[in-house]
Amino acid sequence: MTEILLIRHARSSANASGVLAGRAKGVHLDDQGKEQSKRLAAALTNVPVTRLISSPLDRCMETARFIAIAHPKLSIEKNSDLIEMDYGSWSGQKLSVLAKRKEWKSIQGTPSLVRFPQGESFLEMNARVNQAITDIFVEHSRSKSRNVVAVFTHGDVIKAIIAHSLGLHLDAFQRIVVDPASVSILRQEGDSRFVISQNVRADGLEGLLGVRKSATTVGGGDGSSHKRVR
């Protein structure tokens, strides 16, 4: 059995300022994001994580490093197929400004028809990230032991993976909420894949993963408008 923990990076400076970061450099966790990462690391301390895989962008790697401290035998593997969507010329702009553009309605309702100027289409992102997840499951498909793979990536990426895993059309993925520093869990048993949980915060993880207690918008949103989902 293989489980993938889809972990969205903790709050970044771009999340805090309402900016669509995309693949821009210099976007790091803010102080709240660092605290979120510490709480997440504590919740995952007794979880038998076997691999750490991350988008190469700083905000994901920084989140992953907090969890790596609790699992010192594991190194962080970078996977460029799990990188944030390429928002092209929209990258670095305020979401409040972008929401006034004529394309915004399509992004929210029919994203499968949208390509960002000088950037990626949602269909391309969807194919890229779901192939990466399938590849991880295939790598562990012959193992008889339990594998728990922590994947650190981005809001829209995780939403696309969850939608695909549930058999939903890509146009439904904007209905899925994925907050910063949240965990969504996929499980593969044989040829069957299950979504075990979605958008769980650190304080809801321990019981869900069966361990003893230890110490919507483009871009994924900043998590401020949604309460914890168990």
C-alpha atoms as a PDB file:
ATOM      1  CA  MET A   1       0.000   0.000   0.000  1.00  0.00           C
ATOM      2  CA  THR A   2       1.265   3.450  -0.895  1.00  0.00           C
ATOM      3  CA  GLU A   3       0.020   6.754   0.476  1.00  0.00           C
ATOM      4  CA  ILE A   4       0.939  10.146  -0.921  1.00  0.00           C
ATOM      5  CA  LEU A   5       0.645  13.140   1.384  1.00  0.00           C
ATOM      6  CA  LEU A   6      -0.039  16.122  -0.870  1.00  0.00           C
ATOM      7  CA  ILE A   7       1.296  19.022   1.178  1.00  0.00           C
ATOM      8  CA  ARG A   8       0.746  22.568   0.035  1.00  0.00           C
ATOM      9  CA  HIS A   9       3.603  24.867   1.006  1.00  0.00           C
ATOM     10  CA  ALA A  10       2.968  27.010   4.053  1.00  0.00           C
ATOM     11  CA  ARG A  11       2.003  30.666   3.745  1.00  0.00           C
ATOM     12  CA  SER A  12       4.401  32.683   1.627  1.00  0.00           C
ATOM     13  CA  SER A  13       5.096  36.389   1.299  1.00  0.00           C
ATOM     14  CA  ALA A  14       3.079  36.324  -1.944  1.00  0.00           C
ATOM     15  CA  ASN A  15       0.090  34.720  -0.203  1.00  0.00           C
ATOM     16  CA  ALA A  16       0.232  37.385   2.474  1.00  0.00           C
ATOM     17  CA  SER A  17       0.297  40.227  -0.046  1.00  0.00           C
ATOM     18  CA  GLY A  18      -2.294  38.773  -2.417  1.00  0.00           C
ATOM     19  CA  VAL A  19       0.107  38.295  -5.310  1.00  0.00           C
ATOM     20  CA  LEU A  20       0.006  35.480  -7.862  1.00  0.00           C
ATOM     21  CA  ALA A  21       3.579  34.268  -7.453  1.00  0.00           C
ATOM     22  CA  GLY A  22       3.745  31.597 -10.126  1.00  0.00           C
ATOM     23  CA  ARG A  23       7.360  30.610 -10.725  1.00  0.00           C
ATOM     24  CA  ALA A  24       8.835  33.955  -9.718  1.00  0.00           C
ATOM     25  CA  LYS A  25      12.039  33.796  -7.722  1.00  0.00           C
ATOM     26  CA  GLY A  26      12.448  35.266  -4.269  1.00  0.00           C
ATOM     27  CA  VAL A  27       9.117  34.061  -2.855  1.00  0.00           C
ATOM     28  CA  HIS A  28       9.750  32.647   0.619  1.00  0.00           C
ATOM     29  CA  LEU A  29       7.714  31.621   3.642  1.00  0.00           C
ATOM     30  CA  ASP A  30       6.678  34.511   5.852  1.00  0.00           C
ATOM     31  CA  ASP A  31       6.751  34.271   9.646  1.00  0.00           C
ATOM     32  CA  GLN A  32       3.269  32.755   9.790  1.00  0.00           C
ATOM     33  CA  GLY A  33       4.291  30.220   7.157  1.00  0.00           C
ATOM     34  CA  LYS A  34       7.286  29.181   9.217  1.00  0.00           C
ATOM     35  CA  GLU A  35       5.062  28.640  12.250  1.00  0.00           C
ATOM     36  CA  GLN A  36       2.632  26.617  10.138  1.00  0.00           C
ATOM     37  CA  SER A  37       5.539  24.466   8.951  1.00  0.00           C
ATOM     38  CA  LYS A  38       6.707  23.847  12.511  1.00  0.00           C
ATOM     39  CA  ARG A  39       3.233  22.700  13.562  1.00  0.00           C
ATOM     40  CA  LEU A  40       2.980  20.470  10.500  1.00  0.00           C
ATOM     41  CA  ALA A  41       6.394  18.952  11.218  1.00  0.00           C
ATOM     42  CA  ALA A  42       5.335  18.184  14.792  1.00  0.00           C
ATOM     43  CA  ALA A  43       2.140  16.507  13.571  1.00  0.00           C
ATOM     44  CA  LEU A  44       4.113  14.346  11.131  1.00  0.00           C
ATOM     45  CA  THR A  45       6.903  13.388  13.536  1.00  0.00           C
ATOM     46  CA  ASN A  46       5.540   9.892  14.231  1.00  0.00           C
ATOM     47  CA  VAL A  47       4.219   9.279  10.730  1.00  0.00           C
ATOM     48  CA  PRO A  48       6.417   6.665   8.979  1.00  0.00           C
ATOM     49  CA  VAL A  49       7.319   8.873   6.009  1.00  0.00           C
ATOM     50  CA  THR A  50       9.527   7.024   3.524  1.00  0.00           C
ATOM     51  CA  ARG A  51      10.223   9.743   0.917  1.00  0.00           C
ATOM     52  CA  LEU A  52      10.217  13.520   0.665  1.00  0.00           C
ATOM     53  CA  ILE A  53       9.594  14.946  -2.827  1.00  0.00           C
ATOM     54  CA  SER A  54       9.272  18.651  -3.540  1.00  0.00           C
ATOM     55  CA  SER A  55       8.635  21.219  -6.199  1.00  0.00           C
ATOM     56  CA  PRO A  56      11.962  23.028  -6.676  1.00  0.00           C
ATOM     57  CA  LEU A  57      10.523  26.445  -5.766  1.00  0.00           C
ATOM     58  CA  ASP A  58      11.776  27.992  -2.514  1.00  0.00           C
ATOM     59  CA  ARG A  59       8.467  28.076  -0.658  1.00  0.00           C
ATOM     60  CA  CYS A  60       7.981  24.323  -1.106  1.00  0.00           C
ATOM     61  CA  MET A  61      11.588  23.433  -0.312  1.00  0.00           C
ATOM     62  CA  GLU A  62      11.464  25.575   2.828  1.00  0.00           C
ATOM     63  CA  THR A  63       8.303  23.809   3.995  1.00  0.00           C
ATOM     64  CA  ALA A  64       9.863  20.424   3.235  1.00  0.00           C
ATOM     65  CA  ARG A  65      12.991  21.222   5.251  1.00  0.00           C
ATOM     66  CA  PHE A  66      10.935  21.632   8.434  1.00  0.00           C
ATOM     67  CA  ILE A  67       9.497  18.140   7.955  1.00  0.00           C
ATOM     68  CA  ALA A  68      12.926  16.744   7.026  1.00  0.00           C
ATOM     69  CA  ILE A  69      14.236  17.743  10.459  1.00  0.00           C
ATOM     70  CA  ALA A  70      11.853  15.180  11.987  1.00  0.00           C
ATOM     71  CA  HIS A  71      12.969  12.549   9.464  1.00  0.00           C
ATOM     72  CA  PRO A  72      16.768  12.999   9.373  1.00  0.00           C
ATOM     73  CA  LYS A  73      17.421   9.812   7.376  1.00  0.00           C
ATOM     74  CA  LEU A  74      15.507  11.195   4.386  1.00  0.00           C
ATOM     75  CA  SER A  75      16.784  13.668   1.822  1.00  0.00           C
ATOM     76  CA  ILE A  76      14.510  15.961  -0.166  1.00  0.00           C
ATOM     77  CA  GLU A  77      14.139  14.973  -3.809  1.00  0.00           C
ATOM     78  CA  LYS A  78      13.339  17.792  -6.246  1.00  0.00           C
ATOM     79  CA  ASN A  79      10.808  17.047  -8.977  1.00  0.00           C
ATOM     80  CA  SER A  80      10.341  19.767 -11.592  1.00  0.00           C
ATOM     81  CA  ASP A  81       7.101  18.155 -12.812  1.00  0.00           C
ATOM     82  CA  LEU A  82       5.526  19.221  -9.507  1.00  0.00           C
ATOM     83  CA  ILE A  83       6.431  22.894  -9.960  1.00  0.00           C
ATOM     84  CA  GLU A  84       3.800  25.619  -9.829  1.00  0.00           C
ATOM     85  CA  MET A  85       1.753  26.362 -12.926  1.00  0.00           C
ATOM     86  CA  ASP A  86       3.389  28.823 -15.309  1.00  0.00           C
ATOM     87  CA  TYR A  87       1.082  31.842 -15.161  1.00  0.00           C
ATOM     88  CA  GLY A  88       3.178  33.667 -17.749  1.00  0.00           C
ATOM     89  CA  SER A  89       2.657  37.438 -17.801  1.00  0.00           C
ATOM     90  CA  TRP A  90       0.143  37.153 -14.959  1.00  0.00           C
ATOM     91  CA  SER A  91       2.912  36.116 -12.543  1.00  0.00           C
ATOM     92  CA  GLY A  92       3.768  38.691  -9.896  1.00  0.00           C
ATOM     93  CA  GLN A  93       0.512  40.628 -10.269  1.00  0.00           C
ATOM     94  CA  LYS A  94      -2.090  41.364  -7.618  1.00  0.00           C
ATOM     95  CA  LEU A  95      -4.995  38.906  -7.562  1.00  0.00           C
ATOM     96  CA  SER A  96      -7.382  41.800  -6.920  1.00  0.00           C
ATOM     97  CA  VAL A  97      -6.320  43.300 -10.252  1.00  0.00           C
ATOM     98  CA  LEU A  98      -6.341  40.004 -12.149  1.00  0.00           C
ATOM     99  CA  ALA A  99      -9.871  39.223 -10.936  1.00  0.00           C
ATOM    100  CA  LYS A 100     -11.162  42.180 -12.965  1.00  0.00           C
ATOM    101  CA  ARG A 101      -9.888  40.803 -16.268  1.00  0.00           C
ATOM    102  CA  LYS A 102     -12.281  39.276 -18.755  1.00  0.00           C
ATOM    103  CA  GLU A 103     -10.439  35.927 -18.603  1.00  0.00           C
ATOM    104  CA  TRP A 104     -11.199  35.525 -14.899  1.00  0.00           C
ATOM    105  CA  LYS A 105     -14.665  34.047 -15.456  1.00  0.00           C
ATOM    106  CA  SER A 106     -13.226  31.315 -17.679  1.00  0.00           C
ATOM    107  CA  ILE A 107     -10.434  30.600 -15.204  1.00  0.00           C
ATOM    108  CA  GLN A 108     -13.016  29.965 -12.506  1.00  0.00           C
ATOM    109  CA  GLY A 109     -15.639  28.170 -14.608  1.00  0.00           C
ATOM    110  CA  THR A 110     -13.957  26.534 -17.602  1.00  0.00           C
ATOM    111  CA  PRO A 111     -10.229  26.422 -16.857  1.00  0.00           C
ATOM    112  CA  SER A 112      -9.734  23.605 -19.373  1.00  0.00           C
ATOM    113  CA  LEU A 113     -10.115  26.257 -22.090  1.00  0.00           C
ATOM    114  CA  VAL A 114      -7.565  28.678 -20.609  1.00  0.00           C
ATOM    115  CA  ARG A 115      -3.928  29.281 -21.436  1.00  0.00           C
ATOM    116  CA  PHE A 116      -2.130  32.073 -19.599  1.00  0.00           C
ATOM    117  CA  PRO A 117      -0.429  34.671 -21.811  1.00  0.00           C
ATOM    118  CA  GLN A 118       3.173  33.547 -22.385  1.00  0.00           C
ATOM    119  CA  GLY A 119       2.521  30.700 -19.971  1.00  0.00           C
ATOM    120  CA  GLU A 120       1.005  27.275 -19.514  1.00  0.00           C
ATOM    121  CA  SER A 121      -2.509  25.987 -20.092  1.00  0.00           C
ATOM    122  CA  PHE A 122      -4.464  24.286 -17.333  1.00  0.00           C
ATOM    123  CA  LEU A 123      -4.618  21.154 -19.502  1.00  0.00           C
ATOM    124  CA  GLU A 124      -0.818  21.065 -19.762  1.00  0.00           C
ATOM    125  CA  MET A 125      -0.413  21.549 -16.028  1.00  0.00           C
ATOM    126  CA  ASN A 126      -3.009  18.885 -15.315  1.00  0.00           C
ATOM    127  CA  ALA A 127      -1.302  16.300 -17.523  1.00  0.00           C
ATOM    128  CA  ARG A 128       2.149  17.110 -16.135  1.00  0.00           C
ATOM    129  CA  VAL A 129       1.343  16.855 -12.443  1.00  0.00           C
ATOM    130  CA  ASN A 130      -0.906  13.813 -12.665  1.00  0.00           C
ATOM    131  CA  GLN A 131       1.723  11.919 -14.616  1.00  0.00           C
ATOM    132  CA  ALA A 132       4.210  12.766 -11.869  1.00  0.00           C
ATOM    133  CA  ILE A 133       1.868  11.334  -9.217  1.00  0.00           C
ATOM    134  CA  THR A 134       1.201   8.205 -11.286  1.00  0.00           C
ATOM    135  CA  ASP A 135       4.949   7.721 -11.672  1.00  0.00           C
ATOM    136  CA  ILE A 136       5.427   7.855  -7.901  1.00  0.00           C
ATOM    137  CA  PHE A 137       2.715   5.274  -7.333  1.00  0.00           C
ATOM    138  CA  VAL A 138       4.217   3.009 -10.014  1.00  0.00           C
ATOM    139  CA  GLU A 139       7.661   3.232  -8.391  1.00  0.00           C
ATOM    140  CA  HIS A 140       6.202   1.723  -5.219  1.00  0.00           C
ATOM    141  CA  SER A 141       3.663  -0.617  -6.800  1.00  0.00           C
ATOM    142  CA  ARG A 142       5.657  -3.798  -6.163  1.00  0.00           C
ATOM    143  CA  SER A 143       6.518  -3.015  -2.564  1.00  0.00           C
ATOM    144  CA  LYS A 144       4.800  -5.163   0.048  1.00  0.00           C
ATOM    145  CA  SER A 145       5.470  -2.691   2.836  1.00  0.00           C
ATOM    146  CA  ARG A 146       3.620   0.538   3.561  1.00  0.00           C
ATOM    147  CA  ASN A 147       5.064   3.545   1.776  1.00  0.00           C
ATOM    148  CA  VAL A 148       4.216   7.081   2.852  1.00  0.00           C
ATOM    149  CA  VAL A 149       5.485   9.664   0.384  1.00  0.00           C
ATOM    150  CA  ALA A 150       5.310  13.345   1.328  1.00  0.00           C
ATOM    151  CA  VAL A 151       4.946  15.558  -1.754  1.00  0.00           C
ATOM    152  CA  PHE A 152       5.371  19.314  -1.306  1.00  0.00           C
ATOM    153  CA  THR A 153       3.772  21.361  -4.034  1.00  0.00           C
ATOM    154  CA  HIS A 154       1.274  24.129  -4.856  1.00  0.00           C
ATOM    155  CA  GLY A 155      -2.423  24.890  -4.489  1.00  0.00           C
ATOM    156  CA  ASP A 156      -3.573  24.592  -8.097  1.00  0.00           C
ATOM    157  CA  VAL A 157      -1.357  21.542  -8.584  1.00  0.00           C
ATOM    158  CA  ILE A 158      -2.922  19.718  -5.647  1.00  0.00           C
ATOM    159  CA  LYS A 159      -6.436  20.689  -6.700  1.00  0.00           C
ATOM    160  CA  ALA A 160      -5.781  19.246 -10.162  1.00  0.00           C
ATOM    161  CA  ILE A 161      -4.415  16.011  -8.678  1.00  0.00           C
ATOM    162  CA  ILE A 162      -7.406  15.588  -6.358  1.00  0.00           C
ATOM    163  CA  ALA A 163      -9.901  16.286  -9.134  1.00  0.00           C
ATOM    164  CA  HIS A 164      -8.218  13.746 -11.403  1.00  0.00           C
ATOM    165  CA  SER A 165      -8.067  11.153  -8.616  1.00  0.00           C
ATOM    166  CA  LEU A 166     -11.811  11.579  -8.020  1.00  0.00           C
ATOM    167  CA  GLY A 167     -12.566  11.205 -11.721  1.00  0.00           C
ATOM    168  CA  LEU A 168     -13.742  14.804 -12.013  1.00  0.00           C
ATOM    169  CA  HIS A 169     -13.428  16.962 -15.107  1.00  0.00           C
ATOM    170  CA  LEU A 170     -10.703  19.588 -14.827  1.00  0.00           C
ATOM    171  CA  ASP A 171     -13.379  22.307 -14.943  1.00  0.00           C
ATOM    172  CA  ALA A 172     -14.513  21.163 -11.482  1.00  0.00           C
ATOM    173  CA  PHE A 173     -11.129  21.611  -9.832  1.00  0.00           C
ATOM    174  CA  GLN A 174     -11.774  25.204  -8.752  1.00  0.00           C
ATOM    175  CA  ARG A 175     -14.423  23.856  -6.344  1.00  0.00           C
ATOM    176  CA  ILE A 176     -11.698  22.151  -4.333  1.00  0.00           C
ATOM    177  CA  VAL A 177     -10.108  24.057  -1.435  1.00  0.00           C
ATOM    178  CA  VAL A 178      -6.444  23.543  -0.552  1.00  0.00           C
ATOM    179  CA  ASP A 179      -5.086  25.856   2.155  1.00  0.00           C
ATOM    180  CA  PRO A 180      -1.423  26.645   2.876  1.00  0.00           C
ATOM    181  CA  ALA A 181       0.276  23.980   5.017  1.00  0.00           C
ATOM    182  CA  SER A 182      -2.639  21.588   4.551  1.00  0.00           C
ATOM    183  CA  VAL A 183      -2.364  17.886   3.774  1.00  0.00           C
ATOM    184  CA  SER A 184      -4.494  15.851   1.387  1.00  0.00           C
ATOM    185  CA  ILE A 185      -3.976  12.090   1.286  1.00  0.00           C
ATOM    186  CA  LEU A 186      -4.109   9.698  -1.665  1.00  0.00           C
ATOM    187  CA  ARG A 187      -3.906   5.931  -1.239  1.00  0.00           C
ATOM    188  CA  GLN A 188      -3.150   3.369  -3.907  1.00  0.00           C
ATOM    189  CA  GLU A 189      -4.139  -0.263  -3.350  1.00  0.00           C
ATOM    190  CA  GLY A 190      -3.524  -2.411  -6.406  1.00  0.00           C
ATOM    191  CA  ASP A 191      -5.058  -0.595  -9.356  1.00  0.00           C
ATOM    192  CA  SER A 192      -7.433   1.438  -7.190  1.00  0.00           C
ATOM    193  CA  ARG A 193      -6.732   4.965  -5.992  1.00  0.00           C
ATOM    194  CA  PHE A 194      -8.614   6.638  -3.162  1.00  0.00           C
ATOM    195  CA  VAL A 195      -8.764  10.191  -1.807  1.00  0.00           C
ATOM    196  CA  ILE A 196      -8.555   9.549   1.924  1.00  0.00           C
ATOM    197  CA  SER A 197      -8.717  13.171   3.039  1.00  0.00           C
ATOM    198  CA  GLN A 198      -8.500  16.686   1.689  1.00  0.00           C
ATOM    199  CA  ASN A 199      -7.306  20.013   3.116  1.00  0.00           C
ATOM    200  CA  VAL A 200      -6.478  18.809   6.639  1.00  0.00           C
ATOM    201  CA  ARG A 201      -4.552  21.166   8.899  1.00  0.00           C
ATOM    202  CA  ALA A 202      -1.799  20.019  11.246  1.00  0.00           C
ATOM    203  CA  ASP A 203      -4.017  19.668  14.311  1.00  0.00           C
ATOM    204  CA  GLY A 204      -6.290  17.211  12.494  1.00  0.00           C
ATOM    205  CA  LEU A 205      -3.601  14.912  11.127  1.00  0.00           C
ATOM    206  CA  GLU A 206      -2.624  12.607  13.957  1.00  0.00           C
ATOM    207  CA  GLY A 207      -5.901  10.776  14.379  1.00  0.00           C
ATOM    208  CA  LEU A 208      -6.424  10.601  10.635  1.00  0.00           C
ATOM    209  CA  LEU A 209      -3.062   8.945  10.022  1.00  0.00           C
ATOM    210  CA  GLY A 210      -3.389   6.570  12.963  1.00  0.00           C
ATOM    211  CA  VAL A 211      -0.453   7.793  15.037  1.00  0.00           C
ATOM    212  CA  ARG A 212      -0.155   8.830  18.652  1.00  0.00           C
ATOM    213  CA  LYS A 213      -0.134  12.532  19.352  1.00  0.00           C
ATOM    214  CA  SER A 214       3.308  14.127  19.062  1.00  0.00           C
ATOM    215  CA  ALA A 215       5.057  17.143  20.077  1.00  0.00           C
ATOM    216  CA  THR A 216     -10.500  28.950  -4.097  1.00  0.00           C
ATOM    217  CA  THR A 217      -9.067  31.075  -6.498  1.00  0.00           C
ATOM    218  CA  VAL A 218      -6.331  30.865  -9.107  1.00  0.00           C
ATOM    219  CA  GLY A 219      -3.105  30.117  -7.267  1.00  0.00           C
ATOM    220  CA  GLY A 220      -4.917  28.300  -4.442  1.00  0.00           C
ATOM    221  CA  GLY A 221      -5.789  31.182  -2.105  1.00  0.00           C
ATOM    222  CA  ASP A 222      -4.225  32.141   1.231  1.00  0.00           C
ATOM    223  CA  GLY A 223      -6.386  29.949   3.495  1.00  0.00           C
ATOM    224  CA  SER A 224      -7.858  32.850   5.420  1.00  0.00           C
ATOM    225  CA  SER A 225     -11.511  32.235   4.551  1.00  0.00           C
ATOM    226  CA  HIS A 226     -11.846  28.527   5.308  1.00  0.00           C
ATOM    227  CA  LYS A 227     -11.980  26.678   8.592  1.00  0.00           C
ATOM    228  CA  ARG A 228     -10.185  23.422   9.210  1.00  0.00           C
ATOM    229  CA  VAL A 229     -11.650  20.382   7.504  1.00  0.00           C
ATOM    230  CA  ARG A 230     -11.173  17.054   9.234  1.00  0.00           C
END
